[in-house]
Amino acid sequence: MQDAQYDPTAEFAESELTTGHGRFRAIAFREYEGGAEHLALVYGDPTDVDAPLVRMHSECLTGDVFGARRCECGAQLSLALQAVVHAGRGVIVYLRGHEGRGIGLLAKIRTHVLQDEDGLDTIDSAVALGLPVDTRDFGAAALVLAHLGIGRVRLLSNSPAKVEALTSYGIDVAELVPVLEPVDEHNVRYLTAKRDRLGHVLPQLDATGN
């Protein structure tokens, strides 16, 4: 097990942020000098329950900002924000440097070409370009949770691998809370690959017979 220890060069800055979903504490942070700058949105007081809702959301410019339909990233971010507001407390940790599961924006767009023209899925298209399937590290999320005094969470995710990742940094995951986007013609191949090859729990996909 790794510990979410503070690097002496870790930095935090905090302000209030009012969004269409509600008013949050916005905590910008980075683990170490020169590292990626991330953002945690904190709603209510997440320390007044044993295990608050937490979403570790990997940056996806095409989905989060432009509403791309081939992935469910933007929809999941919106659903997670709604969930923590409905619960009255929770944390959204937005992790930058995770674009395309860590391969970056240029490479991700190149994988899209292979997906569209050659029918490769999200995994095989990365491998075909000589790229790793997933290089993400979730230590930054554990760091900001420790900064907030949170050691046990209900994780808003469909990925058991994220439970393992967070647990490896000493954060206890009490429950995996699904964040499910409806299946349609645009995202069905992507969701199928995530279920069949990355182990995501996607019952809405099972229900369609795919």
C-alpha atoms as a PDB file:
ATOM      1  CA  MET A   1       0.000   0.000   0.000  1.00  0.00           C
ATOM      2  CA  GLN A   2       1.186   3.485  -0.859  1.00  0.00           C
ATOM      3  CA  ASP A   3       0.473   6.444   1.390  1.00  0.00           C
ATOM      4  CA  ALA A   4      -0.981   9.730   0.172  1.00  0.00           C
ATOM      5  CA  GLN A   5       1.899  11.644   1.738  1.00  0.00           C
ATOM      6  CA  TYR A   6       2.417  15.326   1.103  1.00  0.00           C
ATOM      7  CA  ASP A   7       5.327  16.191  -1.117  1.00  0.00           C
ATOM      8  CA  PRO A   8       6.928  19.295   0.423  1.00  0.00           C
ATOM      9  CA  THR A   9       6.336  21.102  -2.857  1.00  0.00           C
ATOM     10  CA  ALA A  10       2.592  20.259  -3.009  1.00  0.00           C
ATOM     11  CA  GLU A  11       0.459  23.384  -3.447  1.00  0.00           C
ATOM     12  CA  PHE A  12      -3.192  24.181  -2.748  1.00  0.00           C
ATOM     13  CA  ALA A  13      -5.329  27.244  -3.488  1.00  0.00           C
ATOM     14  CA  GLU A  14      -8.991  27.591  -2.560  1.00  0.00           C
ATOM     15  CA  SER A  15     -11.941  29.795  -3.488  1.00  0.00           C
ATOM     16  CA  GLU A  16     -15.719  29.603  -3.804  1.00  0.00           C
ATOM     17  CA  LEU A  17     -17.183  28.556  -7.159  1.00  0.00           C
ATOM     18  CA  THR A  18     -20.850  28.896  -8.096  1.00  0.00           C
ATOM     19  CA  THR A  19     -21.911  26.610 -10.946  1.00  0.00           C
ATOM     20  CA  GLY A  20     -25.161  25.575 -12.595  1.00  0.00           C
ATOM     21  CA  HIS A  21     -25.219  22.671 -10.144  1.00  0.00           C
ATOM     22  CA  GLY A  22     -24.638  24.726  -6.992  1.00  0.00           C
ATOM     23  CA  ARG A  23     -22.011  26.447  -4.886  1.00  0.00           C
ATOM     24  CA  PHE A  24     -18.760  24.565  -4.264  1.00  0.00           C
ATOM     25  CA  ARG A  25     -15.399  25.050  -2.633  1.00  0.00           C
ATOM     26  CA  ALA A  26     -12.911  24.932  -5.495  1.00  0.00           C
ATOM     27  CA  ILE A  27      -9.504  23.611  -4.470  1.00  0.00           C
ATOM     28  CA  ALA A  28      -6.816  23.809  -7.125  1.00  0.00           C
ATOM     29  CA  PHE A  29      -3.781  21.711  -6.306  1.00  0.00           C
ATOM     30  CA  ARG A  30      -0.715  19.969  -7.619  1.00  0.00           C
ATOM     31  CA  GLU A  31       1.242  17.138  -6.038  1.00  0.00           C
ATOM     32  CA  TYR A  32       4.714  18.508  -6.695  1.00  0.00           C
ATOM     33  CA  GLU A  33       6.468  21.391  -8.408  1.00  0.00           C
ATOM     34  CA  GLY A  34       5.980  21.142 -12.158  1.00  0.00           C
ATOM     35  CA  GLY A  35       3.211  18.561 -11.846  1.00  0.00           C
ATOM     36  CA  ALA A  36      -0.240  18.743 -13.402  1.00  0.00           C
ATOM     37  CA  GLU A  37      -2.691  21.152 -11.786  1.00  0.00           C
ATOM     38  CA  HIS A  38      -5.927  19.474 -10.697  1.00  0.00           C
ATOM     39  CA  LEU A  39      -9.214  20.706  -9.219  1.00  0.00           C
ATOM     40  CA  ALA A  40     -11.390  19.367  -6.417  1.00  0.00           C
ATOM     41  CA  LEU A  41     -14.962  20.632  -6.128  1.00  0.00           C
ATOM     42  CA  VAL A  42     -16.257  20.163  -2.590  1.00  0.00           C
ATOM     43  CA  TYR A  43     -19.973  20.382  -1.846  1.00  0.00           C
ATOM     44  CA  GLY A  44     -21.189  20.770   1.710  1.00  0.00           C
ATOM     45  CA  ASP A  45     -19.145  19.192   4.489  1.00  0.00           C
ATOM     46  CA  PRO A  46     -18.013  15.754   3.296  1.00  0.00           C
ATOM     47  CA  THR A  47     -16.446  14.979   6.662  1.00  0.00           C
ATOM     48  CA  ASP A  48     -19.772  14.896   8.502  1.00  0.00           C
ATOM     49  CA  VAL A  49     -20.533  11.399   7.154  1.00  0.00           C
ATOM     50  CA  ASP A  50     -18.510   8.199   7.352  1.00  0.00           C
ATOM     51  CA  ALA A  51     -18.084   7.801   3.593  1.00  0.00           C
ATOM     52  CA  PRO A  52     -19.017  10.738   1.340  1.00  0.00           C
ATOM     53  CA  LEU A  53     -19.625  10.412  -2.385  1.00  0.00           C
ATOM     54  CA  VAL A  54     -16.429  11.021  -4.360  1.00  0.00           C
ATOM     55  CA  ARG A  55     -15.859  11.069  -8.095  1.00  0.00           C
ATOM     56  CA  MET A  56     -12.317  10.775  -9.514  1.00  0.00           C
ATOM     57  CA  HIS A  57     -12.888  12.202 -12.991  1.00  0.00           C
ATOM     58  CA  SER A  58     -10.186  11.929 -15.629  1.00  0.00           C
ATOM     59  CA  GLU A  59      -9.870  14.934 -17.909  1.00  0.00           C
ATOM     60  CA  CYS A  60     -11.604  14.467 -21.280  1.00  0.00           C
ATOM     61  CA  LEU A  61     -11.651  17.659 -23.309  1.00  0.00           C
ATOM     62  CA  THR A  62     -13.774  16.258 -26.118  1.00  0.00           C
ATOM     63  CA  GLY A  63     -16.395  14.808 -23.778  1.00  0.00           C
ATOM     64  CA  ASP A  64     -16.375  17.212 -20.832  1.00  0.00           C
ATOM     65  CA  VAL A  65     -16.240  20.458 -22.798  1.00  0.00           C
ATOM     66  CA  PHE A  66     -17.611  19.673 -26.250  1.00  0.00           C
ATOM     67  CA  GLY A  67     -20.065  16.909 -25.393  1.00  0.00           C
ATOM     68  CA  ALA A  68     -18.580  14.208 -27.629  1.00  0.00           C
ATOM     69  CA  ARG A  69     -20.984  11.284 -27.950  1.00  0.00           C
ATOM     70  CA  ARG A  70     -18.449   8.482 -28.516  1.00  0.00           C
ATOM     71  CA  CYS A  71     -17.656   8.408 -24.771  1.00  0.00           C
ATOM     72  CA  GLU A  72     -19.747   8.953 -21.653  1.00  0.00           C
ATOM     73  CA  CYS A  73     -17.279  11.264 -19.899  1.00  0.00           C
ATOM     74  CA  GLY A  74     -19.226  14.519 -20.067  1.00  0.00           C
ATOM     75  CA  ALA A  75     -22.455  12.844 -19.006  1.00  0.00           C
ATOM     76  CA  GLN A  76     -20.713  11.108 -16.096  1.00  0.00           C
ATOM     77  CA  LEU A  77     -19.265  14.396 -14.870  1.00  0.00           C
ATOM     78  CA  SER A  78     -22.695  16.014 -14.912  1.00  0.00           C
ATOM     79  CA  LEU A  79     -24.312  13.010 -13.202  1.00  0.00           C
ATOM     80  CA  ALA A  80     -21.624  13.006 -10.514  1.00  0.00           C
ATOM     81  CA  LEU A  81     -22.146  16.701  -9.806  1.00  0.00           C
ATOM     82  CA  GLN A  82     -25.878  16.103  -9.510  1.00  0.00           C
ATOM     83  CA  ALA A  83     -25.278  13.164  -7.175  1.00  0.00           C
ATOM     84  CA  VAL A  84     -23.127  15.033  -4.668  1.00  0.00           C
ATOM     85  CA  VAL A  85     -25.542  17.972  -4.635  1.00  0.00           C
ATOM     86  CA  HIS A  86     -28.488  15.628  -4.096  1.00  0.00           C
ATOM     87  CA  ALA A  87     -26.587  13.936  -1.254  1.00  0.00           C
ATOM     88  CA  GLY A  88     -25.840  17.316   0.324  1.00  0.00           C
ATOM     89  CA  ARG A  89     -22.098  16.674   0.387  1.00  0.00           C
ATOM     90  CA  GLY A  90     -19.321  15.143  -1.659  1.00  0.00           C
ATOM     91  CA  VAL A  91     -16.215  15.752  -3.720  1.00  0.00           C
ATOM     92  CA  ILE A  92     -15.500  15.794  -7.450  1.00  0.00           C
ATOM     93  CA  VAL A  93     -11.773  15.425  -8.120  1.00  0.00           C
ATOM     94  CA  TYR A  94     -11.005  16.555 -11.678  1.00  0.00           C
ATOM     95  CA  LEU A  95      -7.689  15.035 -12.710  1.00  0.00           C
ATOM     96  CA  ARG A  96      -5.794  16.750 -15.491  1.00  0.00           C
ATOM     97  CA  GLY A  97      -3.124  14.974 -17.519  1.00  0.00           C
ATOM     98  CA  HIS A  98      -5.434  11.953 -17.860  1.00  0.00           C
ATOM     99  CA  GLU A  99      -6.606  12.715 -21.394  1.00  0.00           C
ATOM    100  CA  GLY A 100      -7.172   9.485 -23.330  1.00  0.00           C
ATOM    101  CA  ARG A 101      -6.324   7.401 -20.233  1.00  0.00           C
ATOM    102  CA  GLY A 102      -3.019   9.260 -20.097  1.00  0.00           C
ATOM    103  CA  ILE A 103      -1.853   9.210 -23.743  1.00  0.00           C
ATOM    104  CA  GLY A 104      -2.707  12.866 -24.367  1.00  0.00           C
ATOM    105  CA  LEU A 105      -5.015  14.743 -26.715  1.00  0.00           C
ATOM    106  CA  LEU A 106      -3.032  14.370 -29.955  1.00  0.00           C
ATOM    107  CA  ALA A 107      -2.709  10.629 -29.509  1.00  0.00           C
ATOM    108  CA  LYS A 108      -6.346  10.276 -28.510  1.00  0.00           C
ATOM    109  CA  ILE A 109      -7.511  11.985 -31.682  1.00  0.00           C
ATOM    110  CA  ARG A 110      -5.268   9.667 -33.687  1.00  0.00           C
ATOM    111  CA  THR A 111      -6.930   6.668 -32.035  1.00  0.00           C
ATOM    112  CA  HIS A 112     -10.297   8.070 -33.084  1.00  0.00           C
ATOM    113  CA  VAL A 113      -9.204   7.881 -36.715  1.00  0.00           C
ATOM    114  CA  LEU A 114      -8.402   4.176 -36.335  1.00  0.00           C
ATOM    115  CA  GLN A 115     -11.707   3.598 -34.564  1.00  0.00           C
ATOM    116  CA  ASP A 116     -13.696   5.344 -37.299  1.00  0.00           C
ATOM    117  CA  GLU A 117     -11.810   4.086 -40.363  1.00  0.00           C
ATOM    118  CA  ASP A 118     -10.611   0.623 -39.287  1.00  0.00           C
ATOM    119  CA  GLY A 119     -13.228  -0.343 -36.715  1.00  0.00           C
ATOM    120  CA  LEU A 120     -10.725  -0.742 -33.875  1.00  0.00           C
ATOM    121  CA  ASP A 121     -11.950  -0.273 -30.321  1.00  0.00           C
ATOM    122  CA  THR A 122     -10.601   2.186 -27.761  1.00  0.00           C
ATOM    123  CA  ILE A 123      -7.951  -0.311 -26.617  1.00  0.00           C
ATOM    124  CA  ASP A 124      -6.756  -1.797 -29.902  1.00  0.00           C
ATOM    125  CA  SER A 125      -6.520   1.655 -31.488  1.00  0.00           C
ATOM    126  CA  ALA A 126      -4.029   2.725 -28.800  1.00  0.00           C
ATOM    127  CA  VAL A 127      -2.031  -0.488 -29.081  1.00  0.00           C
ATOM    128  CA  ALA A 128      -1.907  -0.134 -32.884  1.00  0.00           C
ATOM    129  CA  LEU A 129      -0.147   3.203 -32.402  1.00  0.00           C
ATOM    130  CA  GLY A 130       2.355   1.672 -29.987  1.00  0.00           C
ATOM    131  CA  LEU A 131       0.746   3.400 -27.027  1.00  0.00           C
ATOM    132  CA  PRO A 132      -0.091   2.059 -23.557  1.00  0.00           C
ATOM    133  CA  VAL A 133      -3.718   1.279 -22.775  1.00  0.00           C
ATOM    134  CA  ASP A 134      -3.751   3.218 -19.491  1.00  0.00           C
ATOM    135  CA  THR A 135      -1.022   5.273 -17.794  1.00  0.00           C
ATOM    136  CA  ARG A 136      -3.178   7.114 -15.264  1.00  0.00           C
ATOM    137  CA  ASP A 137      -2.161   7.440 -11.634  1.00  0.00           C
ATOM    138  CA  PHE A 138      -4.694   8.383  -8.955  1.00  0.00           C
ATOM    139  CA  GLY A 139      -2.287   9.455  -6.246  1.00  0.00           C
ATOM    140  CA  ALA A 140      -3.325  13.077  -6.725  1.00  0.00           C
ATOM    141  CA  ALA A 141      -6.917  12.199  -5.835  1.00  0.00           C
ATOM    142  CA  ALA A 142      -5.782  10.423  -2.672  1.00  0.00           C
ATOM    143  CA  LEU A 143      -3.650  13.429  -1.799  1.00  0.00           C
ATOM    144  CA  VAL A 144      -6.480  15.948  -1.948  1.00  0.00           C
ATOM    145  CA  LEU A 145      -8.826  13.593  -0.077  1.00  0.00           C
ATOM    146  CA  ALA A 146      -6.228  13.332   2.694  1.00  0.00           C
ATOM    147  CA  HIS A 147      -5.929  17.135   2.629  1.00  0.00           C
ATOM    148  CA  LEU A 148      -9.694  17.297   3.213  1.00  0.00           C
ATOM    149  CA  GLY A 149      -9.543  14.777   6.058  1.00  0.00           C
ATOM    150  CA  ILE A 150     -11.371  12.066   4.099  1.00  0.00           C
ATOM    151  CA  GLY A 151     -10.175   8.483   4.470  1.00  0.00           C
ATOM    152  CA  ARG A 152     -13.260   6.510   3.452  1.00  0.00           C
ATOM    153  CA  VAL A 153     -15.476   7.124   0.410  1.00  0.00           C
ATOM    154  CA  ARG A 154     -18.377   5.909  -1.691  1.00  0.00           C
ATOM    155  CA  LEU A 155     -16.802   6.011  -5.130  1.00  0.00           C
ATOM    156  CA  LEU A 156     -18.857   7.282  -8.073  1.00  0.00           C
ATOM    157  CA  SER A 157     -17.499   5.008 -10.791  1.00  0.00           C
ATOM    158  CA  ASN A 158     -18.188   1.921 -12.878  1.00  0.00           C
ATOM    159  CA  SER A 159     -14.582   0.739 -12.676  1.00  0.00           C
ATOM    160  CA  PRO A 160     -13.376  -1.763 -10.050  1.00  0.00           C
ATOM    161  CA  ALA A 161      -9.822  -0.834 -11.082  1.00  0.00           C
ATOM    162  CA  LYS A 162     -10.372   2.635  -9.611  1.00  0.00           C
ATOM    163  CA  VAL A 163     -11.304   1.035  -6.298  1.00  0.00           C
ATOM    164  CA  GLU A 164      -8.000  -0.835  -6.343  1.00  0.00           C
ATOM    165  CA  ALA A 165      -6.087   2.306  -7.305  1.00  0.00           C
ATOM    166  CA  LEU A 166      -7.551   4.434  -4.514  1.00  0.00           C
ATOM    167  CA  THR A 167      -7.237   1.659  -1.961  1.00  0.00           C
ATOM    168  CA  SER A 168      -3.559   1.299  -2.832  1.00  0.00           C
ATOM    169  CA  TYR A 169      -3.085   4.872  -1.576  1.00  0.00           C
ATOM    170  CA  GLY A 170      -4.741   4.168   1.757  1.00  0.00           C
ATOM    171  CA  ILE A 171      -8.260   5.439   0.994  1.00  0.00           C
ATOM    172  CA  ASP A 172     -10.960   2.929   1.954  1.00  0.00           C
ATOM    173  CA  VAL A 173     -13.737   2.471  -0.614  1.00  0.00           C
ATOM    174  CA  ALA A 174     -16.965   1.516   1.128  1.00  0.00           C
ATOM    175  CA  GLU A 175     -19.053   1.206  -2.029  1.00  0.00           C
ATOM    176  CA  LEU A 176     -18.792   1.473  -5.802  1.00  0.00           C
ATOM    177  CA  VAL A 177     -21.701   3.718  -6.866  1.00  0.00           C
ATOM    178  CA  PRO A 178     -22.518   3.386 -10.582  1.00  0.00           C
ATOM    179  CA  VAL A 179     -22.615   6.382 -12.912  1.00  0.00           C
ATOM    180  CA  LEU A 180     -24.501   5.065 -15.930  1.00  0.00           C
ATOM    181  CA  GLU A 181     -25.074   6.782 -19.262  1.00  0.00           C
ATOM    182  CA  PRO A 182     -27.769   5.358 -21.578  1.00  0.00           C
ATOM    183  CA  VAL A 183     -26.475   3.265 -24.480  1.00  0.00           C
ATOM    184  CA  ASP A 184     -26.896   4.682 -27.981  1.00  0.00           C
ATOM    185  CA  GLU A 185     -25.469   4.215 -31.466  1.00  0.00           C
ATOM    186  CA  HIS A 186     -22.614   6.618 -30.744  1.00  0.00           C
ATOM    187  CA  ASN A 187     -21.227   5.092 -27.531  1.00  0.00           C
ATOM    188  CA  VAL A 188     -22.122   1.394 -27.770  1.00  0.00           C
ATOM    189  CA  ARG A 189     -18.727   0.279 -29.129  1.00  0.00           C
ATOM    190  CA  TYR A 190     -16.864   2.298 -26.519  1.00  0.00           C
ATOM    191  CA  LEU A 191     -18.992   1.010 -23.648  1.00  0.00           C
ATOM    192  CA  THR A 192     -18.733  -2.576 -24.899  1.00  0.00           C
ATOM    193  CA  ALA A 193     -14.927  -2.364 -24.930  1.00  0.00           C
ATOM    194  CA  LYS A 194     -14.881  -0.891 -21.423  1.00  0.00           C
ATOM    195  CA  ARG A 195     -17.094  -3.697 -20.120  1.00  0.00           C
ATOM    196  CA  ASP A 196     -15.489  -6.606 -21.976  1.00  0.00           C
ATOM    197  CA  ARG A 197     -11.852  -5.544 -21.893  1.00  0.00           C
ATOM    198  CA  LEU A 198     -11.452  -3.155 -18.959  1.00  0.00           C
ATOM    199  CA  GLY A 199     -13.860  -4.797 -16.525  1.00  0.00           C
ATOM    200  CA  HIS A 200     -16.308  -1.924 -16.098  1.00  0.00           C
ATOM    201  CA  VAL A 201     -19.675  -2.765 -14.558  1.00  0.00           C
ATOM    202  CA  LEU A 202     -22.269  -1.563 -17.086  1.00  0.00           C
ATOM    203  CA  PRO A 203     -25.665  -3.206 -16.501  1.00  0.00           C
ATOM    204  CA  GLN A 204     -27.400  -0.782 -18.884  1.00  0.00           C
ATOM    205  CA  LEU A 205     -25.319  -2.282 -21.681  1.00  0.00           C
ATOM    206  CA  ASP A 206     -26.191  -5.834 -20.641  1.00  0.00           C
ATOM    207  CA  ALA A 207     -29.879  -4.895 -20.770  1.00  0.00           C
ATOM    208  CA  THR A 208     -29.606  -3.996 -24.473  1.00  0.00           C
ATOM    209  CA  GLY A 209     -28.346  -7.455 -25.353  1.00  0.00           C
ATOM    210  CA  ASN A 210     -24.901  -6.210 -26.434  1.00  0.00           C
END
